[in-house]
């Protein structure tokens, strides 16, 4: 089951169902740049330990398809012009997308040049796919020092007012 991350003109009951489904699939992890790799327009995570919580054990390693918002945030963090990243997506130039993201996440291939890139970490907000082999969704790429309020939290506060 894939998780829908965008909906328009939904009824309140449908919205609550959608947000509950998203809540069950959401995962927030702080990930070092060294564990991230762009491949074919997806962000692959590897070497991340499983998350153990009230839902059980959730494996994090795997591929995630960035939303437009996540692309914008990742580009901003890496100082890539956002318009360029959007254009790469529109033109299906995942080869250039991957080269730019990987080059700025991992630094130059030339060992004579300084590489301070891999010391960075990111708070990645994910939706797990729930299906083996299917990519999840990278819904946000933030600083590793971020406070979090989710859509379901906001909706529940609004309902109680």
N, C-alpha and C. Protein backbone atom coordinates (compact mmCIF):
# COMPACT_ATOMS: atom_id res chain seq x y z
N UNK A 1 0.84 -1.16 0.00
CA UNK A 1 0.00 0.00 0.00
C UNK A 1 0.89 1.24 0.00
N UNK A 2 0.75 2.11 -1.00
CA UNK A 2 1.51 3.35 -1.01
C UNK A 2 0.73 4.41 -0.26
N UNK A 3 1.45 5.35 0.31
CA UNK A 3 0.82 6.40 1.10
C UNK A 3 0.62 7.62 0.23
N UNK A 4 -0.59 8.12 0.16
CA UNK A 4 -0.90 9.33 -0.59
C UNK A 4 -0.37 10.52 0.20
N UNK A 5 0.38 11.40 -0.46
CA UNK A 5 0.93 12.55 0.25
C UNK A 5 0.28 13.86 -0.17
N UNK A 6 -0.66 13.83 -1.10
CA UNK A 6 -1.32 15.05 -1.55
C UNK A 6 -2.76 14.70 -1.91
N UNK A 7 -3.70 15.55 -1.48
CA UNK A 7 -5.11 15.34 -1.81
C UNK A 7 -5.77 16.71 -1.93
N UNK A 8 -6.75 16.82 -2.84
CA UNK A 8 -7.47 18.07 -3.02
C UNK A 8 -8.97 17.83 -2.89
N UNK A 9 -9.68 18.79 -2.34
CA UNK A 9 -11.14 18.76 -2.23
C UNK A 9 -11.64 17.53 -1.47
N UNK A 10 -10.96 17.17 -0.39
CA UNK A 10 -11.36 16.01 0.40
C UNK A 10 -12.39 16.41 1.45
N UNK A 11 -13.28 15.50 1.76
CA UNK A 11 -14.22 15.67 2.87
C UNK A 11 -13.44 15.48 4.17
N UNK A 12 -13.96 16.02 5.27
CA UNK A 12 -13.26 15.92 6.55
C UNK A 12 -13.00 14.47 6.94
N UNK A 13 -14.00 13.60 6.78
CA UNK A 13 -13.82 12.18 7.14
C UNK A 13 -12.72 11.53 6.30
N UNK A 14 -12.67 11.86 5.00
CA UNK A 14 -11.62 11.32 4.13
C UNK A 14 -10.26 11.84 4.55
N UNK A 15 -10.23 13.12 4.95
CA UNK A 15 -8.98 13.72 5.38
C UNK A 15 -8.46 13.06 6.66
N UNK A 16 -9.36 12.79 7.60
CA UNK A 16 -8.95 12.12 8.84
C UNK A 16 -8.41 10.72 8.53
N UNK A 17 -9.08 9.99 7.63
CA UNK A 17 -8.62 8.66 7.24
C UNK A 17 -7.23 8.74 6.61
N UNK A 18 -7.05 9.71 5.70
CA UNK A 18 -5.76 9.89 5.04
C UNK A 18 -4.67 10.21 6.05
N UNK A 19 -4.95 11.14 6.97
CA UNK A 19 -3.94 11.52 7.95
C UNK A 19 -3.61 10.39 8.92
N UNK A 20 -4.59 9.57 9.27
CA UNK A 20 -4.31 8.40 10.11
C UNK A 20 -3.44 7.39 9.37
N UNK A 21 -3.68 7.21 8.08
CA UNK A 21 -2.86 6.30 7.27
C UNK A 21 -1.43 6.84 7.17
N UNK A 22 -1.31 8.15 6.96
CA UNK A 22 0.01 8.77 6.91
C UNK A 22 0.73 8.64 8.26
N UNK A 23 -0.02 8.84 9.33
CA UNK A 23 0.56 8.74 10.68
C UNK A 23 1.18 7.36 10.90
N UNK A 24 0.51 6.33 10.41
CA UNK A 24 1.01 4.96 10.58
C UNK A 24 2.27 4.70 9.76
N UNK A 25 2.45 5.45 8.66
CA UNK A 25 3.58 5.22 7.77
C UNK A 25 4.72 6.21 7.97
N UNK A 26 4.52 7.23 8.79
CA UNK A 26 5.54 8.26 8.92
C UNK A 26 6.72 7.79 9.75
N UNK A 27 7.85 8.34 9.40
CA UNK A 27 9.08 8.01 10.09
C UNK A 27 10.00 9.22 10.00
N UNK A 28 10.51 9.69 11.11
CA UNK A 28 11.44 10.81 11.14
C UNK A 28 12.77 10.29 11.64
N UNK A 29 13.82 10.50 10.84
CA UNK A 29 15.15 10.01 11.22
C UNK A 29 16.21 11.06 10.92
N UNK A 30 17.21 11.14 11.78
CA UNK A 30 18.38 11.96 11.50
C UNK A 30 19.39 11.07 10.81
N UNK A 31 19.81 11.51 9.62
CA UNK A 31 20.65 10.69 8.75
C UNK A 31 21.90 11.46 8.37
N UNK A 32 23.08 10.84 8.52
CA UNK A 32 24.30 11.52 8.05
C UNK A 32 24.34 11.50 6.52
N UNK A 33 24.99 12.52 5.96
CA UNK A 33 25.12 12.59 4.50
C UNK A 33 25.76 11.33 3.93
N UNK A 34 26.66 10.73 4.69
CA UNK A 34 27.36 9.53 4.21
C UNK A 34 26.41 8.35 3.99
N UNK A 35 25.21 8.38 4.57
CA UNK A 35 24.24 7.29 4.41
C UNK A 35 23.24 7.57 3.30
N UNK A 36 23.40 8.70 2.60
CA UNK A 36 22.45 9.12 1.57
C UNK A 36 23.11 9.04 0.20
N UNK A 37 22.35 8.55 -0.79
CA UNK A 37 22.84 8.48 -2.17
C UNK A 37 21.67 8.68 -3.11
N UNK A 38 21.83 9.62 -4.04
CA UNK A 38 20.81 9.82 -5.07
C UNK A 38 21.09 8.85 -6.21
N UNK A 39 20.05 8.10 -6.60
CA UNK A 39 20.19 7.15 -7.70
C UNK A 39 18.86 7.11 -8.45
N UNK A 40 18.93 7.40 -9.75
CA UNK A 40 17.75 7.41 -10.62
C UNK A 40 16.64 8.32 -10.08
N UNK A 41 17.04 9.44 -9.49
CA UNK A 41 16.07 10.41 -8.99
C UNK A 41 15.48 10.08 -7.64
N UNK A 42 15.85 8.95 -7.06
CA UNK A 42 15.40 8.57 -5.72
C UNK A 42 16.52 8.82 -4.73
N UNK A 43 16.19 8.95 -3.47
CA UNK A 43 17.20 9.06 -2.43
C UNK A 43 17.29 7.72 -1.72
N UNK A 44 18.44 7.08 -1.82
CA UNK A 44 18.64 5.79 -1.16
C UNK A 44 19.35 6.00 0.16
N UNK A 45 18.83 5.33 1.18
CA UNK A 45 19.43 5.37 2.51
C UNK A 45 20.00 4.01 2.82
N UNK A 46 21.22 3.99 3.37
CA UNK A 46 21.82 2.70 3.73
C UNK A 46 22.65 2.86 5.00
N UNK A 47 22.71 1.78 5.76
CA UNK A 47 23.47 1.78 7.00
C UNK A 47 22.75 2.43 8.17
N UNK A 48 21.44 2.65 8.02
CA UNK A 48 20.65 3.24 9.10
C UNK A 48 20.03 2.10 9.89
N UNK A 49 20.20 2.14 11.18
CA UNK A 49 19.62 1.09 12.02
C UNK A 49 18.10 1.13 12.00
N UNK A 50 17.47 0.01 12.28
CA UNK A 50 16.01 -0.02 12.33
C UNK A 50 15.48 0.83 13.49
N UNK A 51 14.27 1.33 13.31
CA UNK A 51 13.60 2.11 14.35
C UNK A 51 12.67 1.17 15.12
N UNK A 52 12.82 1.15 16.43
CA UNK A 52 11.96 0.32 17.29
C UNK A 52 11.10 1.27 18.11
N UNK A 53 9.78 1.15 17.93
CA UNK A 53 8.86 1.98 18.69
C UNK A 53 7.58 1.18 18.95
N UNK A 54 6.51 1.88 19.37
CA UNK A 54 5.26 1.20 19.71
C UNK A 54 4.66 0.44 18.53
N UNK A 55 5.06 0.79 17.32
CA UNK A 55 4.53 0.09 16.14
C UNK A 55 5.29 -1.18 15.83
N UNK A 56 6.44 -1.35 16.47
CA UNK A 56 7.28 -2.52 16.20
C UNK A 56 8.62 -2.08 15.64
N UNK A 57 9.18 -2.89 14.75
CA UNK A 57 10.48 -2.62 14.15
C UNK A 57 10.25 -2.14 12.72
N UNK A 58 10.81 -0.98 12.39
CA UNK A 58 10.68 -0.43 11.04
C UNK A 58 12.07 -0.30 10.44
N UNK A 59 12.27 -0.93 9.29
CA UNK A 59 13.53 -0.80 8.58
C UNK A 59 13.54 0.52 7.81
N UNK A 60 14.65 1.23 7.87
CA UNK A 60 14.77 2.53 7.24
C UNK A 60 15.48 2.43 5.90
N UNK A 61 16.47 1.56 5.79
CA UNK A 61 17.24 1.44 4.56
C UNK A 61 16.32 1.18 3.38
N UNK A 62 16.61 1.85 2.27
CA UNK A 62 15.83 1.66 1.06
C UNK A 62 15.74 2.95 0.28
N UNK A 63 14.95 2.94 -0.78
CA UNK A 63 14.80 4.09 -1.67
C UNK A 63 13.55 4.88 -1.31
N UNK A 64 13.64 6.20 -1.49
CA UNK A 64 12.53 7.10 -1.20
C UNK A 64 12.41 8.11 -2.34
N UNK A 65 11.19 8.31 -2.79
CA UNK A 65 10.93 9.29 -3.85
C UNK A 65 10.68 10.64 -3.22
N UNK A 66 11.52 11.65 -3.52
CA UNK A 66 11.32 12.97 -2.92
C UNK A 66 10.07 13.67 -3.48
N UNK A 67 9.30 14.29 -2.60
CA UNK A 67 8.21 15.15 -3.05
C UNK A 67 8.84 16.44 -3.57
N UNK A 68 8.03 17.29 -4.19
CA UNK A 68 8.53 18.59 -4.64
C UNK A 68 9.06 19.42 -3.50
N UNK A 69 8.37 19.35 -2.36
CA UNK A 69 8.82 20.09 -1.17
C UNK A 69 10.17 19.56 -0.69
N UNK A 70 10.33 18.24 -0.66
CA UNK A 70 11.60 17.65 -0.21
C UNK A 70 12.73 18.01 -1.18
N UNK A 71 12.45 17.99 -2.49
CA UNK A 71 13.46 18.41 -3.47
C UNK A 71 13.90 19.85 -3.20
N UNK A 72 12.93 20.73 -2.95
CA UNK A 72 13.22 22.14 -2.69
C UNK A 72 14.07 22.28 -1.42
N UNK A 73 13.71 21.57 -0.37
CA UNK A 73 14.45 21.67 0.89
C UNK A 73 15.86 21.10 0.75
N UNK A 74 15.99 19.96 0.08
CA UNK A 74 17.31 19.36 -0.11
C UNK A 74 18.18 20.27 -0.97
N UNK A 75 17.62 20.82 -2.04
CA UNK A 75 18.37 21.74 -2.90
C UNK A 75 18.83 22.96 -2.09
N UNK A 76 17.95 23.51 -1.28
CA UNK A 76 18.29 24.67 -0.47
C UNK A 76 19.42 24.34 0.50
N UNK A 77 19.33 23.20 1.17
CA UNK A 77 20.38 22.80 2.12
C UNK A 77 21.73 22.61 1.43
N UNK A 78 21.69 22.15 0.16
CA UNK A 78 22.93 21.89 -0.57
C UNK A 78 23.35 23.07 -1.45
N UNK A 79 22.58 24.17 -1.39
CA UNK A 79 22.85 25.38 -2.17
C UNK A 79 22.80 25.14 -3.67
N UNK A 80 21.85 24.32 -4.10
CA UNK A 80 21.57 24.10 -5.52
C UNK A 80 20.37 24.99 -5.85
N UNK A 81 20.42 25.76 -6.93
CA UNK A 81 19.25 26.58 -7.27
C UNK A 81 17.99 25.72 -7.41
N UNK A 82 16.95 26.10 -6.70
CA UNK A 82 15.71 25.31 -6.68
C UNK A 82 15.09 25.20 -8.07
N UNK A 83 15.12 26.28 -8.82
CA UNK A 83 14.58 26.25 -10.18
C UNK A 83 15.28 25.23 -11.05
N UNK A 84 16.58 25.07 -10.85
CA UNK A 84 17.36 24.08 -11.60
C UNK A 84 16.92 22.66 -11.24
N UNK A 85 16.72 22.40 -9.96
CA UNK A 85 16.27 21.07 -9.53
C UNK A 85 14.88 20.77 -10.08
N UNK A 86 13.98 21.75 -10.05
CA UNK A 86 12.65 21.56 -10.63
C UNK A 86 12.74 21.28 -12.12
N UNK A 87 13.60 22.01 -12.81
CA UNK A 87 13.79 21.80 -14.24
C UNK A 87 14.32 20.39 -14.52
N UNK A 88 15.27 19.93 -13.72
CA UNK A 88 15.79 18.57 -13.89
C UNK A 88 14.68 17.54 -13.77
N UNK A 89 13.79 17.71 -12.81
CA UNK A 89 12.64 16.80 -12.64
C UNK A 89 11.73 16.86 -13.87
N UNK A 90 11.42 18.08 -14.31
CA UNK A 90 10.53 18.23 -15.47
C UNK A 90 11.12 17.59 -16.72
N UNK A 91 12.42 17.68 -16.88
CA UNK A 91 13.10 17.15 -18.06
C UNK A 91 13.50 15.68 -17.89
N UNK A 92 13.17 15.09 -16.76
CA UNK A 92 13.52 13.69 -16.46
C UNK A 92 15.03 13.46 -16.54
N UNK A 93 15.80 14.44 -16.10
CA UNK A 93 17.26 14.34 -16.11
C UNK A 93 17.76 13.86 -14.75
N UNK A 94 17.37 12.63 -14.42
CA UNK A 94 17.78 12.08 -13.13
C UNK A 94 19.30 11.89 -13.06
N UNK A 95 19.96 11.76 -14.21
CA UNK A 95 21.42 11.63 -14.19
C UNK A 95 22.07 12.89 -13.63
N UNK A 96 21.59 14.05 -14.05
CA UNK A 96 22.13 15.31 -13.53
C UNK A 96 21.65 15.58 -12.11
N UNK A 97 20.42 15.21 -11.82
CA UNK A 97 19.91 15.34 -10.45
C UNK A 97 20.82 14.55 -9.51
N UNK A 98 21.06 13.29 -9.84
CA UNK A 98 21.91 12.44 -9.01
C UNK A 98 23.31 13.01 -8.85
N UNK A 99 23.91 13.46 -9.97
CA UNK A 99 25.28 13.98 -9.93
C UNK A 99 25.37 15.22 -9.03
N UNK A 100 24.40 16.10 -9.12
CA UNK A 100 24.41 17.31 -8.29
C UNK A 100 24.23 16.98 -6.82
N UNK A 101 23.22 16.19 -6.51
CA UNK A 101 22.94 15.84 -5.10
C UNK A 101 24.14 15.08 -4.51
N UNK A 102 24.61 14.06 -5.21
CA UNK A 102 25.72 13.26 -4.68
C UNK A 102 27.00 14.08 -4.55
N UNK A 103 27.28 14.92 -5.55
CA UNK A 103 28.49 15.74 -5.50
C UNK A 103 28.49 16.68 -4.31
N UNK A 104 27.32 17.23 -3.99
CA UNK A 104 27.27 18.17 -2.88
C UNK A 104 27.04 17.50 -1.53
N UNK A 105 26.53 16.28 -1.54
CA UNK A 105 26.43 15.52 -0.29
C UNK A 105 27.78 14.95 0.13
N UNK A 106 28.55 14.47 -0.86
CA UNK A 106 29.75 13.70 -0.55
C UNK A 106 31.05 14.40 -0.91
N UNK A 107 30.98 15.56 -1.52
CA UNK A 107 32.19 16.31 -1.83
C UNK A 107 32.84 15.83 -3.11
N UNK A 108 33.97 16.43 -3.45
CA UNK A 108 34.65 16.12 -4.70
C UNK A 108 35.31 14.75 -4.66
N UNK A 109 35.42 14.18 -5.87
CA UNK A 109 36.13 12.89 -5.99
C UNK A 109 37.63 13.08 -5.88
N UNK A 110 38.10 14.29 -6.09
CA UNK A 110 39.52 14.59 -6.05
C UNK A 110 40.00 14.62 -4.60
N UNK A 111 40.88 13.68 -4.20
CA UNK A 111 41.32 13.62 -2.79
C UNK A 111 42.14 14.84 -2.37
N UNK A 112 42.61 15.65 -3.34
CA UNK A 112 43.39 16.84 -2.99
C UNK A 112 42.50 17.98 -2.51
N UNK A 113 41.18 17.88 -2.79
CA UNK A 113 40.26 18.94 -2.40
C UNK A 113 39.63 18.63 -1.05
N UNK A 114 39.35 19.65 -0.24
CA UNK A 114 38.75 19.39 1.08
C UNK A 114 37.35 18.81 0.96
N UNK A 115 37.02 17.94 1.89
CA UNK A 115 35.69 17.34 1.90
C UNK A 115 35.12 17.40 3.31
N UNK A 116 34.35 18.44 3.56
CA UNK A 116 33.69 18.57 4.85
C UNK A 116 32.20 18.27 4.74
N UNK A 117 31.77 17.77 3.58
CA UNK A 117 30.35 17.55 3.32
C UNK A 117 29.77 16.43 4.17
N UNK A 118 30.49 15.34 4.33
CA UNK A 118 29.91 14.16 4.96
C UNK A 118 29.76 14.30 6.47
N UNK A 119 30.19 15.42 7.04
CA UNK A 119 29.98 15.65 8.46
C UNK A 119 28.56 16.13 8.75
N UNK A 120 27.80 16.48 7.71
CA UNK A 120 26.45 17.00 7.87
C UNK A 120 25.45 15.89 8.13
N UNK A 121 24.40 16.25 8.84
CA UNK A 121 23.27 15.34 9.03
C UNK A 121 21.99 16.08 8.68
N UNK A 122 20.96 15.31 8.34
CA UNK A 122 19.68 15.87 7.95
C UNK A 122 18.57 15.13 8.69
N UNK A 123 17.54 15.87 9.07
CA UNK A 123 16.33 15.24 9.57
C UNK A 123 15.48 14.94 8.35
N UNK A 124 15.28 13.66 8.06
CA UNK A 124 14.47 13.25 6.93
C UNK A 124 13.12 12.78 7.44
N UNK A 125 12.07 13.33 6.87
CA UNK A 125 10.70 12.95 7.21
C UNK A 125 10.23 12.05 6.09
N UNK A 126 9.92 10.81 6.44
CA UNK A 126 9.64 9.78 5.44
C UNK A 126 8.25 9.20 5.62
N UNK A 127 7.74 8.63 4.55
CA UNK A 127 6.63 7.68 4.61
C UNK A 127 7.22 6.37 4.13
N UNK A 128 7.14 5.33 4.95
CA UNK A 128 7.60 4.03 4.52
C UNK A 128 6.61 3.48 3.51
N UNK A 129 7.08 2.61 2.62
CA UNK A 129 6.21 2.13 1.54
C UNK A 129 5.23 1.06 2.00
N UNK A 130 5.63 0.23 2.93
CA UNK A 130 4.76 -0.84 3.38
C UNK A 130 4.80 -2.04 2.45
N UNK A 131 5.38 -1.90 1.26
CA UNK A 131 5.47 -3.00 0.30
C UNK A 131 6.94 -3.25 -0.01
N UNK A 132 7.35 -4.51 0.09
CA UNK A 132 8.75 -4.86 -0.17
C UNK A 132 9.16 -4.45 -1.58
N UNK A 133 10.30 -3.77 -1.68
CA UNK A 133 10.82 -3.38 -2.98
C UNK A 133 10.26 -2.09 -3.54
N UNK A 134 9.18 -1.57 -2.95
CA UNK A 134 8.59 -0.32 -3.42
C UNK A 134 9.25 0.85 -2.69
N UNK A 135 9.53 1.95 -3.41
CA UNK A 135 10.11 3.09 -2.71
C UNK A 135 9.11 3.75 -1.78
N UNK A 136 9.62 4.31 -0.72
CA UNK A 136 8.80 5.12 0.16
C UNK A 136 8.77 6.55 -0.36
N UNK A 137 8.39 7.48 0.49
CA UNK A 137 8.31 8.88 0.10
C UNK A 137 9.18 9.69 1.05
N UNK A 138 10.06 10.51 0.49
CA UNK A 138 10.80 11.50 1.26
C UNK A 138 9.96 12.76 1.23
N UNK A 139 9.34 13.09 2.35
CA UNK A 139 8.41 14.22 2.36
C UNK A 139 9.06 15.51 2.82
N UNK A 140 10.20 15.45 3.50
CA UNK A 140 10.90 16.66 3.91
C UNK A 140 12.36 16.33 4.22
N UNK A 141 13.23 17.29 3.94
CA UNK A 141 14.65 17.19 4.28
C UNK A 141 15.00 18.46 5.03
N UNK A 142 15.18 18.33 6.34
CA UNK A 142 15.33 19.49 7.21
C UNK A 142 16.66 19.45 7.93
N UNK A 143 16.93 20.50 8.67
CA UNK A 143 18.08 20.53 9.55
C UNK A 143 17.89 19.43 10.59
N UNK A 144 18.98 18.95 11.16
CA UNK A 144 18.85 17.91 12.19
C UNK A 144 18.43 18.49 13.54
N UNK A 145 18.14 19.79 13.60
CA UNK A 145 17.67 20.44 14.83
C UNK A 145 16.32 21.09 14.57
N UNK A 146 15.29 20.32 14.46
CA UNK A 146 13.98 20.83 14.08
C UNK A 146 12.90 20.35 15.03
N UNK A 147 11.98 21.22 15.41
CA UNK A 147 10.79 20.82 16.15
C UNK A 147 9.75 20.34 15.14
N UNK A 148 8.92 19.40 15.54
CA UNK A 148 8.00 18.78 14.59
C UNK A 148 6.57 18.87 15.08
N UNK A 149 5.70 19.37 14.21
CA UNK A 149 4.24 19.30 14.43
C UNK A 149 3.67 18.73 13.14
N UNK A 150 2.91 17.65 13.23
CA UNK A 150 2.35 17.01 12.06
C UNK A 150 0.95 17.49 11.75
N UNK A 151 0.50 17.24 10.53
CA UNK A 151 -0.84 17.62 10.08
C UNK A 151 -1.92 17.02 10.97
N UNK A 152 -1.76 15.77 11.37
CA UNK A 152 -2.76 15.12 12.21
C UNK A 152 -2.84 15.82 13.57
N UNK A 153 -1.69 16.22 14.11
CA UNK A 153 -1.68 16.96 15.37
C UNK A 153 -2.47 18.25 15.26
N UNK A 154 -2.27 18.97 14.15
CA UNK A 154 -2.98 20.23 13.93
C UNK A 154 -4.48 19.99 13.81
N UNK A 155 -4.87 18.95 13.03
CA UNK A 155 -6.28 18.64 12.84
C UNK A 155 -6.94 18.27 14.17
N UNK A 156 -6.27 17.46 14.98
CA UNK A 156 -6.83 17.06 16.26
C UNK A 156 -7.01 18.26 17.19
N UNK A 157 -6.06 19.21 17.15
CA UNK A 157 -6.19 20.43 17.97
C UNK A 157 -7.36 21.25 17.47
N UNK A 158 -7.53 21.36 16.17
CA UNK A 158 -8.64 22.14 15.61
C UNK A 158 -9.98 21.51 15.95
N UNK A 159 -10.05 20.17 15.94
CA UNK A 159 -11.31 19.48 16.27
C UNK A 159 -11.69 19.70 17.73
N UNK A 160 -10.69 19.79 18.60
CA UNK A 160 -10.99 19.91 20.04
C UNK A 160 -11.42 21.33 20.43
N UNK A 161 -11.23 22.28 19.53
CA UNK A 161 -11.58 23.69 19.84
C UNK A 161 -13.05 23.94 19.69
